[in-house]
N, C-alpha and C. Protein backbone atom coordinates (compact mmCIF):
# COMPACT_ATOMS: atom_id res chain seq x y z
N UNK A 1 33.88 -56.20 -184.03
CA UNK A 1 33.50 -57.51 -184.39
C UNK A 1 31.73 -57.51 -183.62
N UNK A 2 31.98 -56.93 -182.39
CA UNK A 2 30.30 -57.13 -181.94
C UNK A 2 29.75 -55.61 -181.96
N UNK A 3 28.40 -55.64 -181.92
CA UNK A 3 27.72 -54.50 -181.91
C UNK A 3 27.70 -53.74 -183.45
N UNK A 4 27.77 -54.49 -184.54
CA UNK A 4 27.67 -54.06 -185.62
C UNK A 4 27.01 -54.92 -186.70
N UNK A 5 26.55 -54.64 -187.81
CA UNK A 5 26.04 -55.76 -189.03
C UNK A 5 27.19 -56.13 -189.68
N UNK A 6 27.10 -57.33 -189.86
CA UNK A 6 28.15 -57.63 -190.98
C UNK A 6 27.59 -57.77 -192.43
N UNK A 7 28.96 -57.32 -193.36
CA UNK A 7 28.43 -57.45 -194.49
C UNK A 7 28.13 -58.81 -195.05
N UNK A 8 27.69 -59.07 -196.11
CA UNK A 8 27.41 -60.73 -196.82
C UNK A 8 29.00 -61.41 -196.61
N UNK A 9 29.47 -60.61 -197.38
CA UNK A 9 31.01 -61.50 -197.31
C UNK A 9 31.60 -62.03 -196.02
N UNK A 10 31.50 -61.07 -195.00
CA UNK A 10 31.97 -61.46 -193.50
C UNK A 10 31.13 -62.42 -193.10
N UNK A 11 29.93 -62.36 -193.16
CA UNK A 11 28.92 -63.42 -192.65
C UNK A 11 29.17 -64.66 -193.51
N UNK A 12 29.44 -64.58 -194.61
CA UNK A 12 29.59 -65.87 -195.36
C UNK A 12 30.89 -66.68 -194.90
N UNK A 13 31.99 -65.92 -194.81
CA UNK A 13 33.11 -66.24 -194.49
C UNK A 13 33.16 -67.02 -192.94
N UNK A 14 32.35 -66.36 -192.01
CA UNK A 14 32.13 -67.02 -190.68
C UNK A 14 31.32 -68.12 -190.72
N UNK A 15 30.35 -68.30 -191.66
CA UNK A 15 29.68 -69.33 -191.83
C UNK A 15 30.12 -70.52 -192.14
N UNK A 16 30.89 -70.14 -193.24
CA UNK A 16 32.15 -71.37 -193.70
C UNK A 16 32.80 -71.99 -192.59
N UNK A 17 33.20 -71.02 -191.81
CA UNK A 17 34.26 -71.58 -190.83
C UNK A 17 33.76 -72.17 -189.70
N UNK A 18 32.41 -72.06 -189.64
CA UNK A 18 31.61 -72.90 -188.35
C UNK A 18 31.17 -74.17 -188.90
N UNK A 19 31.01 -73.81 -190.18
CA UNK A 19 30.57 -75.28 -190.98
C UNK A 19 31.81 -76.32 -191.13
N UNK A 20 32.90 -75.72 -191.21
CA UNK A 20 34.00 -76.61 -191.25
C UNK A 20 34.27 -76.94 -189.83
N UNK A 21 34.21 -76.27 -188.83
CA UNK A 21 34.43 -76.99 -187.35
C UNK A 21 33.46 -78.01 -187.32
N UNK A 22 32.19 -77.70 -187.49
CA UNK A 22 31.25 -78.75 -187.06
C UNK A 22 31.15 -80.06 -187.98
N UNK A 23 31.86 -79.86 -189.26
CA UNK A 23 31.93 -81.07 -189.98
C UNK A 23 33.29 -81.94 -189.22
N UNK A 24 34.27 -81.10 -188.66
CA UNK A 24 35.08 -81.70 -188.44
C UNK A 24 35.06 -82.71 -187.17
N UNK A 25 33.87 -82.32 -186.26
CA UNK A 25 33.38 -83.08 -185.26
C UNK A 25 32.51 -84.22 -185.54
N UNK A 26 32.14 -84.41 -186.92
CA UNK A 26 31.11 -85.57 -187.16
C UNK A 26 32.52 -86.78 -187.46
N UNK A 27 31.61 -87.85 -187.02
CA UNK A 27 32.28 -89.25 -186.94
C UNK A 27 32.68 -89.66 -188.44
N UNK A 28 33.49 -90.41 -189.13
CA UNK A 28 33.78 -90.67 -190.51
C UNK A 28 32.50 -91.62 -190.78
N UNK A 29 32.18 -91.78 -191.76
CA UNK A 29 31.29 -92.11 -192.68
C UNK A 29 31.26 -94.08 -192.26
N UNK A 30 32.61 -94.37 -192.42
CA UNK A 30 32.85 -95.74 -191.91
C UNK A 30 32.64 -96.08 -190.39
N UNK A 31 32.32 -95.26 -189.68
CA UNK A 31 32.44 -95.47 -187.97
C UNK A 31 31.25 -96.08 -187.54
N UNK A 32 30.15 -96.51 -188.20
CA UNK A 32 29.01 -96.71 -188.08
C UNK A 32 28.86 -98.16 -187.24
N UNK A 33 30.16 -98.95 -187.49
CA UNK A 33 30.08 -100.41 -187.04
C UNK A 33 31.19 -100.28 -185.76
N UNK A 34 31.57 -99.16 -185.20
CA UNK A 34 32.61 -99.33 -184.03
C UNK A 34 32.03 -99.65 -182.80
N UNK A 35 30.96 -99.58 -182.49
CA UNK A 35 30.20 -99.90 -181.67
C UNK A 35 29.36 -101.37 -181.52
N UNK A 36 29.76 -102.27 -180.78
CA UNK A 36 29.01 -103.30 -180.78
C UNK A 36 27.79 -103.34 -179.76
N UNK A 37 26.44 -103.10 -180.15
CA UNK A 37 25.56 -102.95 -179.65
C UNK A 37 24.80 -104.31 -179.06
N UNK A 38 24.99 -105.31 -179.88
CA UNK A 38 24.61 -106.85 -179.25
C UNK A 38 25.18 -107.23 -178.06
N UNK A 39 26.10 -106.68 -177.31
CA UNK A 39 26.72 -106.88 -176.16
C UNK A 39 26.30 -105.84 -174.96
N UNK A 40 25.23 -104.96 -175.39
CA UNK A 40 24.83 -104.24 -174.25
C UNK A 40 23.90 -105.06 -173.45
N UNK A 41 23.61 -105.06 -172.04
CA UNK A 41 22.84 -105.57 -170.95
C UNK A 41 21.53 -104.65 -171.09
N UNK A 42 20.70 -105.18 -171.58
CA UNK A 42 19.48 -103.99 -171.53
C UNK A 42 18.92 -104.13 -170.48
N UNK A 43 18.73 -105.41 -169.34
CA UNK A 43 18.45 -105.28 -168.11
C UNK A 43 18.99 -104.51 -167.26
N UNK A 44 20.23 -104.05 -167.38
CA UNK A 44 20.96 -102.92 -166.44
C UNK A 44 20.57 -101.87 -166.65
N UNK A 45 20.10 -101.57 -167.63
CA UNK A 45 19.75 -100.19 -168.26
C UNK A 45 18.36 -99.89 -167.79
N UNK A 46 17.53 -100.88 -167.83
CA UNK A 46 16.22 -100.90 -167.14
C UNK A 46 15.99 -100.66 -165.71
N UNK A 47 17.27 -101.19 -164.98
CA UNK A 47 16.78 -101.42 -163.51
C UNK A 47 17.20 -99.97 -162.82
N UNK A 48 16.63 -99.61 -162.02
CA UNK A 48 16.76 -98.33 -161.26
C UNK A 48 17.87 -98.31 -160.44
N UNK A 49 18.84 -97.10 -160.30
CA UNK A 49 19.74 -96.93 -159.44
C UNK A 49 19.67 -96.90 -158.22
N UNK A 50 19.95 -97.58 -157.35
CA UNK A 50 19.65 -97.55 -155.82
C UNK A 50 21.13 -97.41 -154.81
N UNK A 51 21.10 -96.44 -154.19
CA UNK A 51 22.15 -96.46 -153.45
C UNK A 51 21.64 -96.92 -151.65
N UNK A 52 22.32 -97.93 -151.38
CA UNK A 52 22.11 -98.24 -149.96
C UNK A 52 22.89 -97.74 -149.23
N UNK A 53 22.16 -97.13 -148.13
CA UNK A 53 23.21 -96.19 -146.81
C UNK A 53 23.36 -96.93 -145.66
N UNK A 54 24.78 -96.84 -145.11
CA UNK A 54 24.83 -97.28 -143.80
C UNK A 54 24.74 -96.62 -142.90
N UNK A 55 24.22 -95.00 -143.16
CA UNK A 55 23.94 -94.30 -142.26
C UNK A 55 22.95 -94.55 -141.12
N UNK A 56 23.39 -94.23 -140.32
CA UNK A 56 22.34 -94.20 -139.03
C UNK A 56 21.47 -93.29 -138.52
N UNK A 57 22.11 -91.97 -139.34
CA UNK A 57 21.09 -90.70 -139.35
C UNK A 57 19.77 -90.82 -139.43
N UNK A 58 19.07 -89.98 -138.42
CA UNK A 58 17.61 -89.72 -138.82
C UNK A 58 17.32 -88.74 -139.82
N UNK A 59 16.47 -88.78 -140.70
CA UNK A 59 15.95 -87.48 -141.65
C UNK A 59 15.80 -86.44 -141.06
N UNK A 60 16.22 -85.29 -141.75
CA UNK A 60 16.18 -84.04 -141.18
C UNK A 60 15.00 -83.64 -141.00
N UNK A 61 14.08 -83.27 -139.92
CA UNK A 61 12.98 -82.50 -139.81
C UNK A 61 12.85 -81.22 -140.45
N UNK A 62 11.40 -80.76 -140.65
CA UNK A 62 11.31 -79.58 -141.24
C UNK A 62 12.03 -78.55 -140.39
N UNK A 63 11.48 -78.61 -139.09
CA UNK A 63 12.13 -77.56 -138.08
C UNK A 63 13.67 -77.50 -138.38
N UNK A 64 14.31 -78.60 -138.28
CA UNK A 64 15.81 -78.60 -138.66
C UNK A 64 16.21 -77.91 -139.68
N UNK A 65 15.45 -78.11 -141.15
CA UNK A 65 15.77 -77.49 -142.09
C UNK A 65 15.41 -75.91 -142.02
N UNK A 66 14.24 -75.72 -141.59
CA UNK A 66 14.13 -74.21 -141.55
C UNK A 66 15.14 -73.42 -140.54
N UNK A 67 15.63 -74.14 -139.51
CA UNK A 67 16.94 -73.66 -138.86
C UNK A 67 18.15 -73.44 -139.42
N UNK A 68 18.56 -74.58 -140.17
CA UNK A 68 19.55 -74.40 -141.35
C UNK A 68 19.53 -73.08 -142.20
N UNK A 69 18.43 -73.10 -142.73
CA UNK A 69 18.22 -72.08 -143.89
C UNK A 69 18.35 -70.72 -143.13
N UNK A 70 17.67 -70.78 -141.91
CA UNK A 70 17.78 -69.35 -141.17
C UNK A 70 19.28 -68.89 -140.88
N UNK A 71 20.05 -69.91 -140.34
CA UNK A 71 21.18 -69.87 -139.68
C UNK A 71 22.00 -69.49 -141.10
N UNK A 72 21.87 -70.00 -142.18
CA UNK A 72 22.43 -69.45 -143.43
C UNK A 72 22.54 -68.58 -144.06
N UNK A 73 21.16 -68.16 -143.95
CA UNK A 73 20.80 -66.81 -144.46
C UNK A 73 21.45 -65.61 -143.69
N UNK A 74 21.45 -65.94 -142.15
CA UNK A 74 22.07 -64.94 -141.39
C UNK A 74 23.55 -64.86 -141.56
N UNK A 75 24.22 -65.67 -141.89
CA UNK A 75 25.58 -65.97 -142.14
C UNK A 75 26.16 -65.24 -143.58
N UNK A 76 25.10 -65.18 -144.25
CA UNK A 76 25.13 -64.38 -145.63
C UNK A 76 24.85 -62.79 -145.74
N UNK A 77 24.17 -62.44 -144.47
CA UNK A 77 23.90 -61.18 -144.33
C UNK A 77 25.21 -60.15 -144.74
N UNK A 78 26.33 -60.53 -144.27
CA UNK A 78 27.52 -59.76 -144.41
C UNK A 78 27.86 -59.41 -145.84
N UNK A 79 27.69 -60.57 -146.85
CA UNK A 79 27.87 -60.22 -148.28
C UNK A 79 26.89 -59.21 -148.70
N UNK A 80 25.49 -59.24 -148.31
CA UNK A 80 24.64 -58.18 -148.97
C UNK A 80 25.20 -56.82 -148.51
N UNK A 81 25.68 -56.68 -147.24
CA UNK A 81 25.99 -55.37 -146.90
C UNK A 81 27.39 -54.93 -147.43
N UNK A 82 27.97 -55.71 -148.16
CA UNK A 82 29.20 -54.99 -148.59
C UNK A 82 29.24 -54.99 -150.00
N UNK A 83 28.02 -55.13 -150.95
CA UNK A 83 27.78 -54.84 -152.18
C UNK A 83 27.41 -53.61 -152.73
């Protein structure tokens, strides 16, 4: 199946099978009215999503981030040595 060229008959058969699968995924012709777009609140779509945080944690400093990265890279060193 892999690694060789298909003859025209095999290629055409596979193309027809893929086309049939793709056509099966298409909605029916009369499905264009199934969604009522008049009830969509466009204001909700335009507003930015914001999450309010109740956390009293301070943002991580650059030094803290570097320490985390260094600690995690030391913890992964055993993985490299076993490969």
